[in-house]
Amino acid sequence: MINTPAKLLSIVLLACPLSVWANNIGFQSSGGQITSNGSILNVSSSTLTSINGITGSGAISGNLGIVSFATGALMSGSLADGGRFAGGGSFSMIGNGSNGLPNGVIFHGQFSGPVTWTASFVPNGNAGIGAWFYTLSGSIAGTLNNGQSFSAKIQFSTRDVARGQQFSNVANLSNGTGAVTVPEPGTLGLLATGLFGVAAVVRRRMAR
């Protein structure tokens, strides 16, 4: 029979990886526009359509609120051909109170590093005129409405820019996604190894 202190520590050992992975939060958004003043990229009206890991009831979907963000300033490249924007700026998800979500701020933070703006051209798109598509990707960090720190990798994609032109100051969004950054398996392994060691020490002391 396992003595009580060691038994409790074994329970903690089993629960720790679960508590880490319980922070697995993801979201999706749809529509809206991405605009630029020539220096930053800005989104103010993308509809939050799906989110999981917030309410404890799995993924929920529908018209849940809005996603908004602004990047830092353009560091290299161009709006038309793709480039990199500085970190900073802001990123927020605002709930509308649907399906158990807060009626207000769900998450607020900023870009934690440079933001990549990738351009791609499809020659046969837009009825043969050709079409330009753009993808914005980067990492964000900030705080959930419950005070929990949150970091994620995000990606937003545009629809084809009107009339086969390159992006200059506005394009419609197709969708956006985000997935929380979780510890690597090696990190969890080190955590488990350390806790096993502590459990062994407790058992030896209780056996004396």
N, C-alpha and C. Protein backbone atom coordinates (compact mmCIF):
# COMPACT_ATOMS: atom_id res chain seq x y z
N MET A 1 0.84 -1.21 0.00
CA MET A 1 0.00 0.00 0.00
C MET A 1 0.87 1.24 0.00
N ILE A 2 0.56 2.21 -0.82
CA ILE A 2 1.34 3.44 -0.90
C ILE A 2 0.97 4.34 0.26
N ASN A 3 1.98 4.88 0.99
CA ASN A 3 1.64 5.77 2.09
C ASN A 3 1.05 7.06 1.57
N THR A 4 0.38 7.80 2.44
CA THR A 4 -0.43 8.94 2.00
C THR A 4 0.36 10.02 1.29
N PRO A 5 1.50 10.53 1.87
CA PRO A 5 2.22 11.61 1.16
C PRO A 5 2.67 11.19 -0.23
N ALA A 6 3.22 9.94 -0.34
CA ALA A 6 3.68 9.50 -1.66
C ALA A 6 2.51 9.32 -2.61
N LYS A 7 1.36 8.86 -2.10
CA LYS A 7 0.19 8.68 -2.93
C LYS A 7 -0.29 10.02 -3.48
N LEU A 8 -0.31 11.04 -2.63
CA LEU A 8 -0.72 12.36 -3.07
C LEU A 8 0.21 12.89 -4.14
N LEU A 9 1.51 12.66 -3.96
CA LEU A 9 2.47 13.15 -4.94
C LEU A 9 2.30 12.42 -6.26
N SER A 10 1.97 11.13 -6.21
CA SER A 10 1.73 10.38 -7.44
C SER A 10 0.54 10.94 -8.19
N ILE A 11 -0.51 11.35 -7.47
CA ILE A 11 -1.68 11.96 -8.10
C ILE A 11 -1.31 13.27 -8.77
N VAL A 12 -0.48 14.07 -8.08
CA VAL A 12 -0.01 15.33 -8.67
C VAL A 12 0.78 15.05 -9.93
N LEU A 13 1.62 14.02 -9.89
CA LEU A 13 2.43 13.65 -11.05
C LEU A 13 1.56 13.33 -12.25
N LEU A 14 0.47 12.61 -12.04
CA LEU A 14 -0.43 12.27 -13.14
C LEU A 14 -1.18 13.49 -13.63
N ALA A 15 -1.49 14.40 -12.72
CA ALA A 15 -2.32 15.55 -13.07
C ALA A 15 -1.55 16.64 -13.78
N CYS A 16 -0.25 16.74 -13.53
CA CYS A 16 0.51 17.85 -14.10
C CYS A 16 0.48 17.91 -15.61
N PRO A 17 0.78 16.81 -16.34
CA PRO A 17 0.67 16.88 -17.80
C PRO A 17 -0.73 17.24 -18.25
N LEU A 18 -1.75 16.75 -17.53
CA LEU A 18 -3.12 17.07 -17.91
C LEU A 18 -3.39 18.55 -17.74
N SER A 19 -2.87 19.12 -16.64
CA SER A 19 -3.13 20.54 -16.41
C SER A 19 -2.44 21.40 -17.44
N VAL A 20 -1.25 20.94 -17.91
CA VAL A 20 -0.54 21.68 -18.96
C VAL A 20 -1.35 21.64 -20.25
N TRP A 21 -1.80 20.45 -20.64
CA TRP A 21 -2.52 20.31 -21.91
C TRP A 21 -3.93 20.85 -21.82
N ALA A 22 -4.47 21.02 -20.59
CA ALA A 22 -5.80 21.61 -20.45
C ALA A 22 -5.81 23.06 -20.92
N ASN A 23 -4.62 23.66 -21.01
CA ASN A 23 -4.53 25.04 -21.49
C ASN A 23 -4.52 25.12 -23.01
N ASN A 24 -4.85 24.03 -23.67
CA ASN A 24 -4.85 23.99 -25.13
C ASN A 24 -6.07 24.74 -25.66
N ILE A 25 -5.85 25.98 -26.05
CA ILE A 25 -6.93 26.85 -26.49
C ILE A 25 -6.73 27.19 -27.97
N GLY A 26 -7.77 27.05 -28.74
CA GLY A 26 -7.69 27.40 -30.15
C GLY A 26 -8.88 28.24 -30.56
N PHE A 27 -8.74 28.97 -31.66
CA PHE A 27 -9.87 29.76 -32.14
C PHE A 27 -9.84 29.84 -33.66
N GLN A 28 -10.98 30.19 -34.22
CA GLN A 28 -11.09 30.47 -35.64
C GLN A 28 -11.92 31.72 -35.83
N SER A 29 -11.60 32.46 -36.88
CA SER A 29 -12.42 33.63 -37.23
C SER A 29 -12.68 33.61 -38.72
N SER A 30 -13.63 34.41 -39.16
CA SER A 30 -14.00 34.42 -40.57
C SER A 30 -14.40 35.82 -41.00
N GLY A 31 -14.04 36.15 -42.24
CA GLY A 31 -14.49 37.41 -42.81
C GLY A 31 -13.77 38.63 -42.25
N GLY A 32 -14.31 39.78 -42.57
CA GLY A 32 -13.69 41.04 -42.19
C GLY A 32 -12.72 41.51 -43.26
N GLN A 33 -12.02 42.57 -42.96
CA GLN A 33 -11.05 43.12 -43.90
C GLN A 33 -9.73 43.36 -43.20
N ILE A 34 -8.66 43.26 -43.99
CA ILE A 34 -7.35 43.64 -43.50
C ILE A 34 -6.95 44.91 -44.26
N THR A 35 -6.56 45.91 -43.52
CA THR A 35 -6.24 47.21 -44.12
C THR A 35 -4.84 47.66 -43.70
N SER A 36 -4.34 48.65 -44.40
CA SER A 36 -3.03 49.20 -44.06
C SER A 36 -2.98 50.67 -44.37
N ASN A 37 -2.24 51.40 -43.54
CA ASN A 37 -1.99 52.82 -43.80
C ASN A 37 -0.65 53.01 -44.48
N GLY A 38 -0.06 51.90 -44.93
CA GLY A 38 1.26 51.96 -45.56
C GLY A 38 2.37 51.53 -44.64
N SER A 39 2.07 51.43 -43.32
CA SER A 39 3.10 51.07 -42.37
C SER A 39 2.74 49.86 -41.52
N ILE A 40 1.48 49.74 -41.12
CA ILE A 40 1.04 48.61 -40.30
C ILE A 40 -0.11 47.89 -40.98
N LEU A 41 -0.39 46.66 -40.52
CA LEU A 41 -1.56 45.92 -40.97
C LEU A 41 -2.57 45.91 -39.83
N ASN A 42 -3.85 46.06 -40.18
CA ASN A 42 -4.87 46.21 -39.17
C ASN A 42 -6.12 45.40 -39.53
N VAL A 43 -6.69 44.71 -38.55
CA VAL A 43 -7.97 44.01 -38.71
C VAL A 43 -8.87 44.45 -37.56
N SER A 44 -10.11 44.83 -37.90
CA SER A 44 -11.00 45.31 -36.84
C SER A 44 -12.36 44.61 -36.84
N SER A 45 -12.62 43.72 -37.80
CA SER A 45 -13.99 43.20 -37.89
C SER A 45 -14.07 41.76 -38.34
N SER A 46 -13.12 40.92 -37.92
CA SER A 46 -13.20 39.51 -38.27
C SER A 46 -14.06 38.80 -37.21
N THR A 47 -15.07 38.05 -37.64
CA THR A 47 -16.01 37.41 -36.72
C THR A 47 -15.39 36.17 -36.07
N LEU A 48 -15.41 36.14 -34.74
CA LEU A 48 -14.97 34.96 -33.99
C LEU A 48 -16.02 33.87 -34.17
N THR A 49 -15.65 32.77 -34.84
CA THR A 49 -16.64 31.74 -35.19
C THR A 49 -16.49 30.45 -34.40
N SER A 50 -15.34 30.23 -33.79
CA SER A 50 -15.15 29.00 -33.03
C SER A 50 -14.05 29.20 -32.00
N ILE A 51 -14.23 28.59 -30.82
CA ILE A 51 -13.20 28.66 -29.79
C ILE A 51 -13.33 27.43 -28.89
N ASN A 52 -12.20 26.91 -28.45
CA ASN A 52 -12.24 25.78 -27.52
C ASN A 52 -11.29 26.03 -26.36
N GLY A 53 -11.55 25.36 -25.24
CA GLY A 53 -10.68 25.46 -24.08
C GLY A 53 -10.96 26.63 -23.17
N ILE A 54 -12.04 27.38 -23.42
CA ILE A 54 -12.36 28.55 -22.60
C ILE A 54 -13.43 28.23 -21.57
N THR A 55 -14.52 27.63 -22.00
CA THR A 55 -15.67 27.42 -21.11
C THR A 55 -15.65 26.08 -20.41
N GLY A 56 -14.75 25.18 -20.78
CA GLY A 56 -14.70 23.87 -20.17
C GLY A 56 -15.67 22.89 -20.80
N SER A 57 -16.35 23.29 -21.84
CA SER A 57 -17.33 22.41 -22.48
C SER A 57 -16.91 22.04 -23.90
N GLY A 58 -15.62 22.08 -24.18
CA GLY A 58 -15.13 21.75 -25.52
C GLY A 58 -15.29 22.90 -26.48
N ALA A 59 -15.26 22.60 -27.76
CA ALA A 59 -15.35 23.64 -28.78
C ALA A 59 -16.78 24.16 -28.89
N ILE A 60 -16.91 25.45 -29.05
CA ILE A 60 -18.21 26.06 -29.31
C ILE A 60 -18.08 26.89 -30.58
N SER A 61 -19.17 27.04 -31.28
CA SER A 61 -19.12 27.76 -32.55
C SER A 61 -20.36 28.61 -32.73
N GLY A 62 -20.29 29.49 -33.73
CA GLY A 62 -21.37 30.43 -33.99
C GLY A 62 -20.80 31.82 -34.16
N ASN A 63 -21.66 32.82 -34.08
CA ASN A 63 -21.21 34.21 -34.08
C ASN A 63 -20.89 34.57 -32.64
N LEU A 64 -19.61 34.47 -32.27
CA LEU A 64 -19.21 34.55 -30.87
C LEU A 64 -18.62 35.89 -30.47
N GLY A 65 -18.30 36.73 -31.44
CA GLY A 65 -17.68 38.01 -31.12
C GLY A 65 -16.80 38.47 -32.27
N ILE A 66 -15.76 39.21 -31.96
CA ILE A 66 -14.87 39.73 -33.00
C ILE A 66 -13.41 39.55 -32.61
N VAL A 67 -12.56 39.49 -33.63
CA VAL A 67 -11.11 39.45 -33.47
C VAL A 67 -10.54 40.71 -34.12
N SER A 68 -9.67 41.39 -33.39
CA SER A 68 -9.06 42.63 -33.90
C SER A 68 -7.57 42.60 -33.62
N PHE A 69 -6.80 43.19 -34.52
CA PHE A 69 -5.36 43.31 -34.24
C PHE A 69 -4.73 44.40 -35.08
N ALA A 70 -3.55 44.81 -34.65
CA ALA A 70 -2.70 45.74 -35.41
C ALA A 70 -1.26 45.30 -35.22
N THR A 71 -0.52 45.22 -36.30
CA THR A 71 0.89 44.82 -36.21
C THR A 71 1.75 46.03 -35.86
N GLY A 72 3.03 45.76 -35.66
CA GLY A 72 3.99 46.84 -35.59
C GLY A 72 4.28 47.36 -37.00
N ALA A 73 5.26 48.23 -37.12
CA ALA A 73 5.57 48.86 -38.40
C ALA A 73 6.28 47.91 -39.35
N LEU A 74 6.11 48.14 -40.65
CA LEU A 74 6.79 47.37 -41.69
C LEU A 74 8.31 47.54 -41.55
N MET A 75 9.03 46.40 -41.45
CA MET A 75 10.48 46.44 -41.27
C MET A 75 11.21 46.16 -42.58
N SER A 76 10.67 45.26 -43.39
CA SER A 76 11.34 44.92 -44.65
C SER A 76 10.30 44.43 -45.65
N GLY A 77 10.67 44.43 -46.93
CA GLY A 77 9.73 44.01 -47.96
C GLY A 77 8.71 45.09 -48.25
N SER A 78 7.54 44.67 -48.73
CA SER A 78 6.50 45.63 -49.09
C SER A 78 5.12 45.03 -48.88
N LEU A 79 4.11 45.89 -48.89
CA LEU A 79 2.73 45.42 -48.78
C LEU A 79 2.35 44.56 -49.97
N ALA A 80 2.85 44.91 -51.14
CA ALA A 80 2.46 44.22 -52.37
C ALA A 80 3.14 42.87 -52.53
N ASP A 81 4.43 42.80 -52.22
CA ASP A 81 5.22 41.59 -52.50
C ASP A 81 5.49 40.73 -51.29
N GLY A 82 5.04 41.16 -50.12
CA GLY A 82 5.29 40.41 -48.90
C GLY A 82 6.45 41.00 -48.12
N GLY A 83 6.42 40.86 -46.82
CA GLY A 83 7.48 41.41 -46.00
C GLY A 83 7.34 41.00 -44.55
N ARG A 84 8.02 41.75 -43.68
CA ARG A 84 7.98 41.46 -42.24
C ARG A 84 7.64 42.73 -41.49
N PHE A 85 6.75 42.58 -40.51
CA PHE A 85 6.34 43.69 -39.67
C PHE A 85 6.87 43.47 -38.25
N ALA A 86 7.13 44.54 -37.56
CA ALA A 86 7.65 44.44 -36.19
C ALA A 86 6.59 43.87 -35.25
N GLY A 87 7.06 43.29 -34.17
CA GLY A 87 6.16 42.84 -33.12
C GLY A 87 5.55 44.02 -32.40
N GLY A 88 4.85 43.74 -31.31
CA GLY A 88 4.15 44.80 -30.61
C GLY A 88 2.74 44.93 -31.12
N GLY A 89 2.29 46.15 -31.34
CA GLY A 89 0.93 46.35 -31.80
C GLY A 89 -0.07 45.87 -30.76
N SER A 90 -1.13 45.24 -31.21
CA SER A 90 -2.15 44.73 -30.27
C SER A 90 -2.91 43.58 -30.92
N PHE A 91 -3.51 42.73 -30.07
CA PHE A 91 -4.34 41.63 -30.54
C PHE A 91 -5.40 41.37 -29.49
N SER A 92 -6.66 41.32 -29.89
CA SER A 92 -7.72 41.09 -28.91
C SER A 92 -8.85 40.26 -29.49
N MET A 93 -9.49 39.49 -28.61
CA MET A 93 -10.72 38.77 -28.92
C MET A 93 -11.79 39.28 -27.96
N ILE A 94 -12.91 39.72 -28.51
CA ILE A 94 -14.01 40.27 -27.72
C ILE A 94 -15.23 39.38 -27.88
N GLY A 95 -15.73 38.80 -26.80
CA GLY A 95 -16.90 37.95 -26.86
C GLY A 95 -18.18 38.75 -26.80
N ASN A 96 -19.26 38.16 -27.32
CA ASN A 96 -20.56 38.84 -27.27
C ASN A 96 -21.52 38.18 -26.27
N GLY A 97 -20.99 37.29 -25.43
CA GLY A 97 -21.81 36.65 -24.41
C GLY A 97 -22.50 35.37 -24.85
N SER A 98 -22.25 34.92 -26.08
CA SER A 98 -22.91 33.71 -26.59
C SER A 98 -22.28 32.44 -26.02
N ASN A 99 -23.11 31.44 -25.80
CA ASN A 99 -22.64 30.09 -25.44
C ASN A 99 -21.68 30.05 -24.26
N GLY A 100 -21.90 30.91 -23.27
CA GLY A 100 -21.08 30.88 -22.07
C GLY A 100 -19.82 31.71 -22.14
N LEU A 101 -19.54 32.34 -23.28
CA LEU A 101 -18.37 33.21 -23.39
C LEU A 101 -18.64 34.54 -22.69
N PRO A 102 -17.58 35.23 -22.27
CA PRO A 102 -17.76 36.54 -21.65
C PRO A 102 -18.37 37.54 -22.63
N ASN A 103 -19.11 38.48 -22.12
CA ASN A 103 -19.59 39.60 -22.92
C ASN A 103 -18.58 40.73 -22.72
N GLY A 104 -17.50 40.63 -23.46
CA GLY A 104 -16.39 41.57 -23.29
C GLY A 104 -15.09 40.89 -23.67
N VAL A 105 -14.00 41.37 -23.12
CA VAL A 105 -12.67 40.90 -23.50
C VAL A 105 -12.46 39.44 -23.09
N ILE A 106 -12.10 38.60 -24.07
CA ILE A 106 -11.69 37.22 -23.81
C ILE A 106 -10.17 37.16 -23.68
N PHE A 107 -9.51 37.87 -24.57
CA PHE A 107 -8.05 37.89 -24.59
C PHE A 107 -7.57 39.25 -25.08
N HIS A 108 -6.50 39.73 -24.47
CA HIS A 108 -5.85 40.94 -24.97
C HIS A 108 -4.35 40.80 -24.82
N GLY A 109 -3.63 41.12 -25.88
CA GLY A 109 -2.18 41.03 -25.85
C GLY A 109 -1.56 41.73 -27.04
N GLN A 110 -0.42 41.22 -27.48
CA GLN A 110 0.27 41.83 -28.61
C GLN A 110 1.12 40.78 -29.31
N PHE A 111 1.66 41.17 -30.46
CA PHE A 111 2.54 40.26 -31.18
C PHE A 111 3.88 40.18 -30.43
N SER A 112 4.32 38.94 -30.17
CA SER A 112 5.52 38.74 -29.36
C SER A 112 6.79 38.69 -30.20
N GLY A 113 6.66 38.82 -31.50
CA GLY A 113 7.82 38.82 -32.39
C GLY A 113 7.41 39.33 -33.76
N PRO A 114 8.33 39.33 -34.71
CA PRO A 114 8.00 39.81 -36.05
C PRO A 114 6.84 39.05 -36.68
N VAL A 115 6.09 39.74 -37.53
CA VAL A 115 4.93 39.18 -38.21
C VAL A 115 5.28 39.02 -39.70
N THR A 116 5.03 37.83 -40.23
CA THR A 116 5.36 37.55 -41.64
C THR A 116 4.14 37.76 -42.52
N TRP A 117 4.34 38.48 -43.61
CA TRP A 117 3.29 38.80 -44.59
C TRP A 117 3.71 38.18 -45.90
N THR A 118 3.07 37.07 -46.29
CA THR A 118 3.49 36.30 -47.45
C THR A 118 2.53 36.51 -48.62
N ALA A 119 3.08 36.83 -49.79
CA ALA A 119 2.28 37.05 -51.00
C ALA A 119 2.40 35.86 -51.94
N SER A 120 1.30 35.48 -52.56
CA SER A 120 1.34 34.42 -53.58
C SER A 120 0.41 34.78 -54.73
N PHE A 121 0.83 34.45 -55.94
CA PHE A 121 0.07 34.78 -57.14
C PHE A 121 -0.40 33.50 -57.82
N VAL A 122 -1.69 33.44 -58.15
CA VAL A 122 -2.28 32.29 -58.84
C VAL A 122 -2.64 32.76 -60.25
N PRO A 123 -1.89 32.37 -61.27
CA PRO A 123 -2.11 32.87 -62.64
C PRO A 123 -3.51 32.63 -63.18
N ASN A 124 -4.11 31.49 -62.84
CA ASN A 124 -5.42 31.15 -63.39
C ASN A 124 -6.59 31.63 -62.53
N GLY A 125 -6.28 32.31 -61.44
CA GLY A 125 -7.34 32.77 -60.56
C GLY A 125 -8.10 33.95 -61.12
N ASN A 126 -9.24 34.24 -60.51
CA ASN A 126 -10.04 35.40 -60.87
C ASN A 126 -10.40 35.39 -62.36
N ALA A 127 -10.96 34.26 -62.79
CA ALA A 127 -11.42 34.09 -64.18
C ALA A 127 -10.31 34.32 -65.20
N GLY A 128 -9.10 33.87 -64.86
CA GLY A 128 -8.00 33.97 -65.80
C GLY A 128 -7.22 35.26 -65.72
N ILE A 129 -7.69 36.24 -64.94
CA ILE A 129 -6.96 37.51 -64.80
C ILE A 129 -5.72 37.30 -63.95
N GLY A 130 -5.80 36.33 -63.04
CA GLY A 130 -4.75 36.13 -62.05
C GLY A 130 -5.21 36.70 -60.72
N ALA A 131 -4.75 36.11 -59.65
CA ALA A 131 -5.21 36.55 -58.33
C ALA A 131 -4.06 36.52 -57.33
N TRP A 132 -4.01 37.55 -56.51
CA TRP A 132 -3.03 37.64 -55.43
C TRP A 132 -3.70 37.27 -54.11
N PHE A 133 -3.02 36.41 -53.35
CA PHE A 133 -3.47 36.02 -52.02
C PHE A 133 -2.36 36.33 -51.02
N TYR A 134 -2.75 36.62 -49.78
CA TYR A 134 -1.77 36.96 -48.75
C TYR A 134 -2.07 36.21 -47.46
N THR A 135 -0.99 35.86 -46.76
CA THR A 135 -1.11 35.19 -45.47
C THR A 135 -0.29 35.94 -44.43
N LEU A 136 -0.90 36.20 -43.31
CA LEU A 136 -0.23 36.85 -42.19
C LEU A 136 -0.04 35.81 -41.10
N SER A 137 1.17 35.67 -40.60
CA SER A 137 1.42 34.71 -39.54
C SER A 137 2.39 35.28 -38.51
N GLY A 138 2.23 34.87 -37.28
CA GLY A 138 3.08 35.35 -36.21
C GLY A 138 2.69 34.73 -34.89
N SER A 139 3.25 35.22 -33.82
CA SER A 139 2.95 34.74 -32.48
C SER A 139 2.44 35.88 -31.62
N ILE A 140 1.48 35.56 -30.76
CA ILE A 140 0.93 36.56 -29.85
C ILE A 140 1.11 36.09 -28.41
N ALA A 141 1.11 37.03 -27.50
CA ALA A 141 1.19 36.72 -26.08
C ALA A 141 0.41 37.77 -25.32
N GLY A 142 -0.25 37.34 -24.26
CA GLY A 142 -1.04 38.28 -23.47
C GLY A 142 -1.77 37.56 -22.35
N THR A 143 -2.96 38.06 -22.02
CA THR A 143 -3.69 37.56 -20.85
C THR A 143 -5.14 37.30 -21.19
N LEU A 144 -5.64 36.15 -20.73
CA LEU A 144 -7.06 35.84 -20.85
C LEU A 144 -7.84 36.63 -19.80
N ASN A 145 -9.17 36.65 -19.93
CA ASN A 145 -9.98 37.45 -19.01
C ASN A 145 -9.92 36.95 -17.57
N ASN A 146 -9.44 35.71 -17.37
CA ASN A 146 -9.30 35.19 -16.01
C ASN A 146 -7.92 35.44 -15.42
N GLY A 147 -7.10 36.19 -16.15
CA GLY A 147 -5.77 36.51 -15.67
C GLY A 147 -4.69 35.53 -16.09
N GLN A 148 -5.06 34.45 -16.76
CA GLN A 148 -4.10 33.44 -17.19
C GLN A 148 -3.30 33.92 -18.38
N SER A 149 -1.98 33.71 -18.32
CA SER A 149 -1.13 34.06 -19.45
C SER A 149 -1.42 33.13 -20.62
N PHE A 150 -1.29 33.65 -21.82
CA PHE A 150 -1.66 32.91 -23.01
C PHE A 150 -0.72 33.28 -24.13
N SER A 151 -0.21 32.28 -24.85
CA SER A 151 0.59 32.56 -26.04
C SER A 151 0.15 31.62 -27.15
N ALA A 152 0.17 32.11 -28.36
CA ALA A 152 -0.34 31.31 -29.47
C ALA A 152 0.31 31.70 -30.78
N LYS A 153 0.28 30.78 -31.71
CA LYS A 153 0.68 31.07 -33.08
C LYS A 153 -0.61 31.33 -33.86
N ILE A 154 -0.63 32.40 -34.64
CA ILE A 154 -1.84 32.75 -35.39
C ILE A 154 -1.54 32.84 -36.88
N GLN A 155 -2.59 32.69 -37.67
CA GLN A 155 -2.46 32.83 -39.12
C GLN A 155 -3.77 33.34 -39.69
N PHE A 156 -3.69 34.35 -40.55
CA PHE A 156 -4.85 34.90 -41.22
C PHE A 156 -4.58 34.91 -42.72
N SER A 157 -5.59 34.55 -43.49
CA SER A 157 -5.45 34.48 -44.95
C SER A 157 -6.47 35.39 -45.62
N THR A 158 -6.07 36.03 -46.71
CA THR A 158 -6.98 36.91 -47.45
C THR A 158 -7.66 36.13 -48.58
N ARG A 159 -8.77 36.68 -49.04
CA ARG A 159 -9.33 36.24 -50.32
C ARG A 159 -8.51 36.91 -51.42
N ASP A 160 -8.79 36.61 -52.68
CA ASP A 160 -8.05 37.26 -53.75
C ASP A 160 -8.34 38.76 -53.74
N VAL A 161 -7.29 39.53 -53.97
CA VAL A 161 -7.44 40.98 -54.02
C VAL A 161 -8.21 41.36 -55.28
N ALA A 162 -9.08 42.33 -55.18
CA ALA A 162 -9.98 42.70 -56.28
C ALA A 162 -9.24 43.03 -57.56
N ARG A 163 -9.84 42.61 -58.69
CA ARG A 163 -9.38 42.95 -60.05
C ARG A 163 -7.96 42.46 -60.34
N GLY A 164 -7.55 41.38 -59.66
CA GLY A 164 -6.24 40.80 -59.94
C GLY A 164 -5.08 41.66 -59.51
N GLN A 165 -5.32 42.68 -58.71
CA GLN A 165 -4.26 43.58 -58.29
C GLN A 165 -3.54 43.07 -57.04
N GLN A 166 -2.37 43.62 -56.78
CA GLN A 166 -1.66 43.32 -55.55
C GLN A 166 -2.23 44.15 -54.41
N PHE A 167 -1.94 43.71 -53.20
CA PHE A 167 -2.43 44.42 -52.02
C PHE A 167 -1.78 45.79 -51.93
N SER A 168 -2.61 46.80 -51.66
CA SER A 168 -2.07 48.14 -51.43
C SER A 168 -2.55 48.68 -50.08
N ASN A 169 -3.89 48.63 -49.86
CA ASN A 169 -4.38 49.13 -48.57
C ASN A 169 -5.59 48.39 -48.02
N VAL A 170 -6.20 47.50 -48.80
CA VAL A 170 -7.35 46.77 -48.27
C VAL A 170 -7.55 45.44 -49.01
N ALA A 171 -7.95 44.40 -48.27
CA ALA A 171 -8.31 43.11 -48.86
C ALA A 171 -9.28 42.41 -47.92
N ASN A 172 -10.18 41.61 -48.48
CA ASN A 172 -11.11 40.85 -47.65
C ASN A 172 -10.41 39.63 -47.07
N LEU A 173 -10.76 39.29 -45.83
CA LEU A 173 -10.19 38.12 -45.19
C LEU A 173 -11.02 36.89 -45.51
N SER A 174 -10.34 35.76 -45.63
CA SER A 174 -11.03 34.49 -45.77
C SER A 174 -11.23 33.87 -44.40
N ASN A 175 -10.15 33.67 -43.66
CA ASN A 175 -10.27 33.10 -42.33
C ASN A 175 -9.02 33.37 -41.51
N GLY A 176 -9.15 33.15 -40.23
CA GLY A 176 -8.02 33.27 -39.32
C GLY A 176 -8.06 32.12 -38.34
N THR A 177 -6.89 31.65 -37.90
CA THR A 177 -6.83 30.59 -36.91
C THR A 177 -5.75 30.89 -35.89
N GLY A 178 -5.89 30.30 -34.72
CA GLY A 178 -4.88 30.43 -33.69
C GLY A 178 -4.84 29.17 -32.85
N ALA A 179 -3.65 28.76 -32.42
CA ALA A 179 -3.50 27.58 -31.58
C ALA A 179 -2.47 27.87 -30.50
N VAL A 180 -2.80 27.52 -29.27
CA VAL A 180 -1.92 27.82 -28.15
C VAL A 180 -0.59 27.09 -28.31
N THR A 181 0.48 27.72 -27.86
CA THR A 181 1.79 27.11 -27.83
C THR A 181 1.92 26.31 -26.54
N VAL A 182 2.09 25.00 -26.65
CA VAL A 182 2.20 24.14 -25.46
C VAL A 182 3.64 23.70 -25.28
N PRO A 183 4.03 23.30 -24.06
CA PRO A 183 5.41 22.84 -23.85
C PRO A 183 5.75 21.67 -24.75
N GLU A 184 7.01 21.59 -25.19
CA GLU A 184 7.45 20.48 -26.00
C GLU A 184 7.45 19.20 -25.16
N PRO A 185 7.31 18.02 -25.80
CA PRO A 185 7.32 16.76 -25.04
C PRO A 185 8.53 16.61 -24.13
N GLY A 186 9.69 17.12 -24.58
CA GLY A 186 10.89 17.03 -23.74
C GLY A 186 10.73 17.78 -22.44
N THR A 187 10.04 18.93 -22.51
CA THR A 187 9.81 19.71 -21.30
C THR A 187 8.93 18.95 -20.33
N LEU A 188 7.85 18.32 -20.86
CA LEU A 188 6.97 17.53 -20.00
C LEU A 188 7.72 16.34 -19.43
N GLY A 189 8.65 15.75 -20.20
CA GLY A 189 9.42 14.62 -19.71
C GLY A 189 10.30 15.01 -18.54
N LEU A 190 10.94 16.18 -18.64
CA LEU A 190 11.77 16.67 -17.55
C LEU A 190 10.94 16.92 -16.31
N LEU A 191 9.73 17.48 -16.50
CA LEU A 191 8.84 17.72 -15.38
C LEU A 191 8.48 16.41 -14.69
N ALA A 192 8.14 15.39 -15.48
CA ALA A 192 7.76 14.10 -14.91
C ALA A 192 8.94 13.46 -14.18
N THR A 193 10.14 13.53 -14.77
CA THR A 193 11.32 12.96 -14.15
C THR A 193 11.59 13.60 -12.80
N GLY A 194 11.48 14.92 -12.75
CA GLY A 194 11.70 15.63 -11.49
C GLY A 194 10.71 15.23 -10.42
N LEU A 195 9.44 15.08 -10.80
CA LEU A 195 8.42 14.72 -9.82
C LEU A 195 8.58 13.27 -9.35
N PHE A 196 9.01 12.38 -10.24
CA PHE A 196 9.29 11.02 -9.82
C PHE A 196 10.39 11.01 -8.77
N GLY A 197 11.40 11.85 -8.97
CA GLY A 197 12.49 11.94 -8.01
C GLY A 197 12.01 12.40 -6.65
N VAL A 198 11.14 13.43 -6.65
CA VAL A 198 10.59 13.93 -5.39
C VAL A 198 9.76 12.85 -4.70
N ALA A 199 8.98 12.10 -5.48
CA ALA A 199 8.15 11.03 -4.91
C ALA A 199 9.02 9.98 -4.26
N ALA A 200 10.16 9.65 -4.88
CA ALA A 200 11.04 8.63 -4.33
C ALA A 200 11.62 9.09 -3.00
N VAL A 201 11.99 10.37 -2.92
CA VAL A 201 12.52 10.91 -1.67
C VAL A 201 11.49 10.82 -0.57
N VAL A 202 10.25 11.18 -0.87
CA VAL A 202 9.19 11.12 0.13
C VAL A 202 8.98 9.70 0.62
N ARG A 203 8.98 8.72 -0.31
CA ARG A 203 8.78 7.33 0.10
C ARG A 203 9.91 6.86 1.02
N ARG A 204 11.16 7.22 0.69
CA ARG A 204 12.29 6.80 1.53
C ARG A 204 12.18 7.37 2.93
N ARG A 205 11.78 8.65 3.02
CA ARG A 205 11.66 9.27 4.33
C ARG A 205 10.54 8.67 5.16
N MET A 206 9.43 8.33 4.50
CA MET A 206 8.30 7.76 5.22
C MET A 206 8.60 6.31 5.66
N ALA A 207 9.53 5.66 4.97
CA ALA A 207 9.86 4.27 5.32
C ALA A 207 10.76 4.19 6.55
N ARG A 208 11.37 5.31 6.91
CA ARG A 208 12.28 5.31 8.06
C ARG A 208 11.49 5.20 9.38
